N, C-alpha and C. Protein backbone atom coordinates (compact mmCIF):
# COMPACT_ATOMS: atom_id res chain seq x y z
N MET A 1 0.84 -1.18 0.00
CA MET A 1 0.00 0.00 0.00
C MET A 1 0.88 1.24 0.00
N ASN A 2 0.38 2.25 -0.59
CA ASN A 2 1.16 3.49 -0.63
C ASN A 2 0.54 4.52 0.31
N ASP A 3 1.42 5.13 1.09
CA ASP A 3 0.97 6.19 1.99
C ASP A 3 0.91 7.50 1.23
N ILE A 4 -0.07 8.28 1.53
CA ILE A 4 -0.22 9.58 0.88
C ILE A 4 -0.16 10.67 1.93
N SER A 5 0.76 11.58 1.76
CA SER A 5 0.82 12.76 2.61
C SER A 5 0.64 13.96 1.70
N SER A 6 -0.56 14.45 1.63
CA SER A 6 -0.86 15.53 0.70
C SER A 6 -2.03 16.34 1.23
N GLN A 7 -2.04 17.60 0.91
CA GLN A 7 -3.17 18.45 1.28
C GLN A 7 -4.38 18.14 0.39
N ASP A 8 -4.16 17.32 -0.64
CA ASP A 8 -5.24 16.98 -1.57
C ASP A 8 -5.98 15.70 -1.18
N THR A 9 -5.60 15.08 -0.08
CA THR A 9 -6.30 13.90 0.42
C THR A 9 -6.75 14.19 1.84
N TYR A 10 -8.04 14.12 2.05
CA TYR A 10 -8.55 14.46 3.37
C TYR A 10 -9.95 13.89 3.56
N ILE A 11 -10.34 13.84 4.81
CA ILE A 11 -11.71 13.47 5.15
C ILE A 11 -12.31 14.66 5.87
N LYS A 12 -13.53 14.98 5.50
CA LYS A 12 -14.22 16.11 6.11
C LYS A 12 -15.32 15.54 7.01
N VAL A 13 -15.23 15.85 8.31
CA VAL A 13 -16.23 15.41 9.27
C VAL A 13 -16.83 16.67 9.89
N ARG A 14 -18.12 16.84 9.71
CA ARG A 14 -18.82 18.05 10.18
C ARG A 14 -18.11 19.32 9.72
N ASN A 15 -17.75 19.35 8.46
CA ASN A 15 -17.11 20.51 7.82
C ASN A 15 -15.72 20.83 8.35
N VAL A 16 -15.10 19.90 9.08
CA VAL A 16 -13.71 20.07 9.53
C VAL A 16 -12.84 19.13 8.70
N GLU A 17 -11.85 19.70 8.00
CA GLU A 17 -10.96 18.89 7.17
C GLU A 17 -9.86 18.26 8.02
N ASN A 18 -9.67 16.95 7.83
CA ASN A 18 -8.60 16.20 8.48
C ASN A 18 -7.77 15.57 7.37
N HIS A 19 -6.53 16.04 7.20
CA HIS A 19 -5.70 15.60 6.09
C HIS A 19 -5.02 14.28 6.42
N TRP A 20 -4.92 13.42 5.38
CA TRP A 20 -4.30 12.11 5.54
C TRP A 20 -2.80 12.28 5.71
N CYS A 21 -2.23 11.52 6.63
CA CYS A 21 -0.79 11.53 6.88
C CYS A 21 -0.31 10.10 7.03
N GLU A 22 0.97 9.87 6.76
CA GLU A 22 1.53 8.53 6.90
C GLU A 22 1.42 8.07 8.35
N SER A 23 1.00 6.84 8.53
CA SER A 23 0.94 6.17 9.84
C SER A 23 0.13 6.93 10.88
N LYS A 24 -0.83 7.70 10.46
CA LYS A 24 -1.67 8.43 11.40
C LYS A 24 -3.04 7.78 11.46
N MET A 25 -3.51 7.53 12.67
CA MET A 25 -4.83 6.96 12.84
C MET A 25 -5.83 8.08 13.06
N PHE A 26 -6.98 7.95 12.47
CA PHE A 26 -8.04 8.94 12.62
C PHE A 26 -9.31 8.20 13.00
N ILE A 27 -9.86 8.53 14.14
CA ILE A 27 -11.08 7.88 14.62
C ILE A 27 -12.17 8.93 14.70
N PHE A 28 -13.35 8.60 14.15
CA PHE A 28 -14.48 9.52 14.23
C PHE A 28 -15.77 8.71 14.27
N ASP A 29 -16.82 9.35 14.69
CA ASP A 29 -18.14 8.74 14.75
C ASP A 29 -18.76 8.83 13.36
N ASP A 30 -18.91 7.69 12.69
CA ASP A 30 -19.40 7.74 11.31
C ASP A 30 -20.90 8.01 11.20
N THR A 31 -21.56 8.23 12.32
CA THR A 31 -22.95 8.69 12.25
C THR A 31 -22.99 10.19 11.98
N LEU A 32 -21.84 10.86 12.13
CA LEU A 32 -21.76 12.28 11.77
C LEU A 32 -21.60 12.40 10.26
N GLN A 33 -22.06 13.50 9.70
CA GLN A 33 -21.91 13.72 8.26
C GLN A 33 -20.43 13.77 7.92
N HIS A 34 -20.02 12.98 6.92
CA HIS A 34 -18.61 12.94 6.54
C HIS A 34 -18.47 12.62 5.05
N GLN A 35 -17.33 13.04 4.49
CA GLN A 35 -16.95 12.77 3.10
C GLN A 35 -15.45 12.62 3.06
N SER A 36 -14.96 11.74 2.18
CA SER A 36 -13.51 11.65 1.99
C SER A 36 -13.17 12.08 0.57
N PHE A 37 -12.00 12.68 0.42
CA PHE A 37 -11.56 13.24 -0.86
C PHE A 37 -10.15 12.77 -1.18
N ASN A 38 -9.93 12.40 -2.42
CA ASN A 38 -8.60 12.10 -2.92
C ASN A 38 -8.48 12.82 -4.26
N GLU A 39 -7.91 13.99 -4.24
CA GLU A 39 -7.78 14.80 -5.44
C GLU A 39 -6.40 14.64 -6.07
N THR A 40 -5.80 13.46 -5.88
CA THR A 40 -4.52 13.13 -6.50
C THR A 40 -4.76 12.04 -7.54
N ASP A 41 -3.70 11.66 -8.25
CA ASP A 41 -3.80 10.57 -9.22
C ASP A 41 -3.44 9.22 -8.59
N GLU A 42 -3.08 9.22 -7.33
CA GLU A 42 -2.67 8.00 -6.64
C GLU A 42 -3.88 7.36 -5.95
N PRO A 43 -3.90 6.01 -5.90
CA PRO A 43 -4.98 5.36 -5.14
C PRO A 43 -4.79 5.59 -3.65
N ARG A 44 -5.86 5.58 -2.92
CA ARG A 44 -5.82 5.75 -1.46
C ARG A 44 -6.54 4.56 -0.85
N TYR A 45 -5.95 3.96 0.16
CA TYR A 45 -6.53 2.81 0.84
C TYR A 45 -6.85 3.19 2.27
N CYS A 46 -8.02 2.78 2.73
CA CYS A 46 -8.44 3.07 4.10
C CYS A 46 -8.93 1.78 4.74
N LEU A 47 -8.69 1.65 6.00
CA LEU A 47 -9.23 0.53 6.77
C LEU A 47 -10.32 1.08 7.67
N PHE A 48 -11.52 0.56 7.51
CA PHE A 48 -12.63 0.97 8.36
C PHE A 48 -12.93 -0.15 9.33
N VAL A 49 -13.03 0.18 10.59
CA VAL A 49 -13.33 -0.79 11.63
C VAL A 49 -14.52 -0.28 12.42
N ASP A 50 -15.53 -1.11 12.56
CA ASP A 50 -16.68 -0.73 13.38
C ASP A 50 -16.42 -1.14 14.81
N ILE A 51 -16.69 -0.24 15.72
CA ILE A 51 -16.58 -0.53 17.15
C ILE A 51 -17.99 -0.53 17.71
N VAL A 52 -18.40 -1.67 18.24
CA VAL A 52 -19.75 -1.79 18.77
C VAL A 52 -19.80 -1.13 20.13
N ARG A 53 -20.73 -0.23 20.28
CA ARG A 53 -20.89 0.47 21.55
C ARG A 53 -21.82 -0.33 22.46
N PRO A 54 -21.57 -0.28 23.76
CA PRO A 54 -22.50 -0.94 24.69
C PRO A 54 -23.89 -0.33 24.54
N SER A 55 -24.88 -1.18 24.57
CA SER A 55 -26.24 -0.69 24.37
C SER A 55 -27.22 -1.60 25.09
N LEU A 56 -28.30 -1.00 25.54
CA LEU A 56 -29.35 -1.79 26.18
C LEU A 56 -30.13 -2.59 25.14
N CYS A 57 -30.10 -2.14 23.92
CA CYS A 57 -30.88 -2.82 22.87
C CYS A 57 -29.96 -3.57 21.91
N HIS A 58 -28.89 -4.16 22.43
CA HIS A 58 -27.92 -4.86 21.58
C HIS A 58 -28.57 -5.97 20.74
N PRO A 59 -29.44 -6.81 21.31
CA PRO A 59 -30.08 -7.85 20.48
C PRO A 59 -30.90 -7.26 19.33
N VAL A 60 -31.57 -6.15 19.57
CA VAL A 60 -32.36 -5.50 18.52
C VAL A 60 -31.43 -5.00 17.41
N MET A 61 -30.32 -4.40 17.80
CA MET A 61 -29.36 -3.90 16.82
C MET A 61 -28.75 -5.05 16.02
N ASP A 62 -28.47 -6.19 16.68
CA ASP A 62 -27.96 -7.36 15.97
C ASP A 62 -28.92 -7.80 14.87
N LEU A 63 -30.20 -7.87 15.20
CA LEU A 63 -31.21 -8.25 14.21
C LEU A 63 -31.28 -7.24 13.08
N PHE A 64 -31.22 -5.97 13.42
CA PHE A 64 -31.26 -4.91 12.41
C PHE A 64 -30.07 -5.02 11.46
N VAL A 65 -28.88 -5.23 12.00
CA VAL A 65 -27.67 -5.35 11.17
C VAL A 65 -27.78 -6.57 10.26
N LYS A 66 -28.27 -7.69 10.78
CA LYS A 66 -28.44 -8.89 9.95
C LYS A 66 -29.46 -8.64 8.84
N PHE A 67 -30.54 -7.95 9.16
CA PHE A 67 -31.57 -7.62 8.18
C PHE A 67 -31.00 -6.75 7.06
N VAL A 68 -30.26 -5.72 7.43
CA VAL A 68 -29.65 -4.83 6.43
C VAL A 68 -28.64 -5.61 5.59
N ALA A 69 -27.87 -6.50 6.21
CA ALA A 69 -26.88 -7.29 5.47
C ALA A 69 -27.56 -8.16 4.42
N ILE A 70 -28.69 -8.77 4.76
CA ILE A 70 -29.43 -9.60 3.81
C ILE A 70 -29.92 -8.76 2.64
N ILE A 71 -30.47 -7.60 2.94
CA ILE A 71 -30.96 -6.71 1.88
C ILE A 71 -29.81 -6.26 0.98
N MET A 72 -28.69 -5.88 1.58
CA MET A 72 -27.55 -5.39 0.79
C MET A 72 -26.97 -6.50 -0.08
N GLN A 73 -26.97 -7.75 0.42
CA GLN A 73 -26.47 -8.85 -0.40
C GLN A 73 -27.33 -9.02 -1.64
N LYS A 74 -28.63 -8.87 -1.48
CA LYS A 74 -29.54 -9.01 -2.62
C LYS A 74 -29.37 -7.85 -3.60
N MET A 75 -28.91 -6.70 -3.12
CA MET A 75 -28.72 -5.52 -3.97
C MET A 75 -27.28 -5.40 -4.48
N ASN A 76 -26.45 -6.35 -4.16
CA ASN A 76 -25.03 -6.31 -4.51
C ASN A 76 -24.80 -6.09 -6.00
N HIS A 77 -25.66 -6.66 -6.84
CA HIS A 77 -25.49 -6.54 -8.30
C HIS A 77 -25.62 -5.10 -8.78
N ILE A 78 -26.27 -4.25 -8.01
CA ILE A 78 -26.42 -2.84 -8.39
C ILE A 78 -25.07 -2.13 -8.30
N PHE A 79 -24.30 -2.47 -7.26
CA PHE A 79 -23.03 -1.79 -7.01
C PHE A 79 -21.86 -2.46 -7.73
N TYR A 80 -21.94 -3.78 -7.93
CA TYR A 80 -20.85 -4.52 -8.56
C TYR A 80 -21.40 -5.28 -9.76
N SER A 81 -21.01 -4.84 -10.94
CA SER A 81 -21.51 -5.53 -12.14
C SER A 81 -20.42 -6.33 -12.79
């Protein structure tokens, strides 16, 4: 993988720009409005990891996630042809 250190690669979370840097970890709540930008000619690779928060309704959320996963699998052909 190639690291990119450029002002042209960044993620914007709640209108705050966070520029990509080599070996820098960036953690944010993805329920906030966000966009990522790569305005270079180089590919950019990101690792996304979901962290499950403690919740009183964990079983309900598990069912919801499974339900969404089933729907998305059936819609996979829309995104990948």
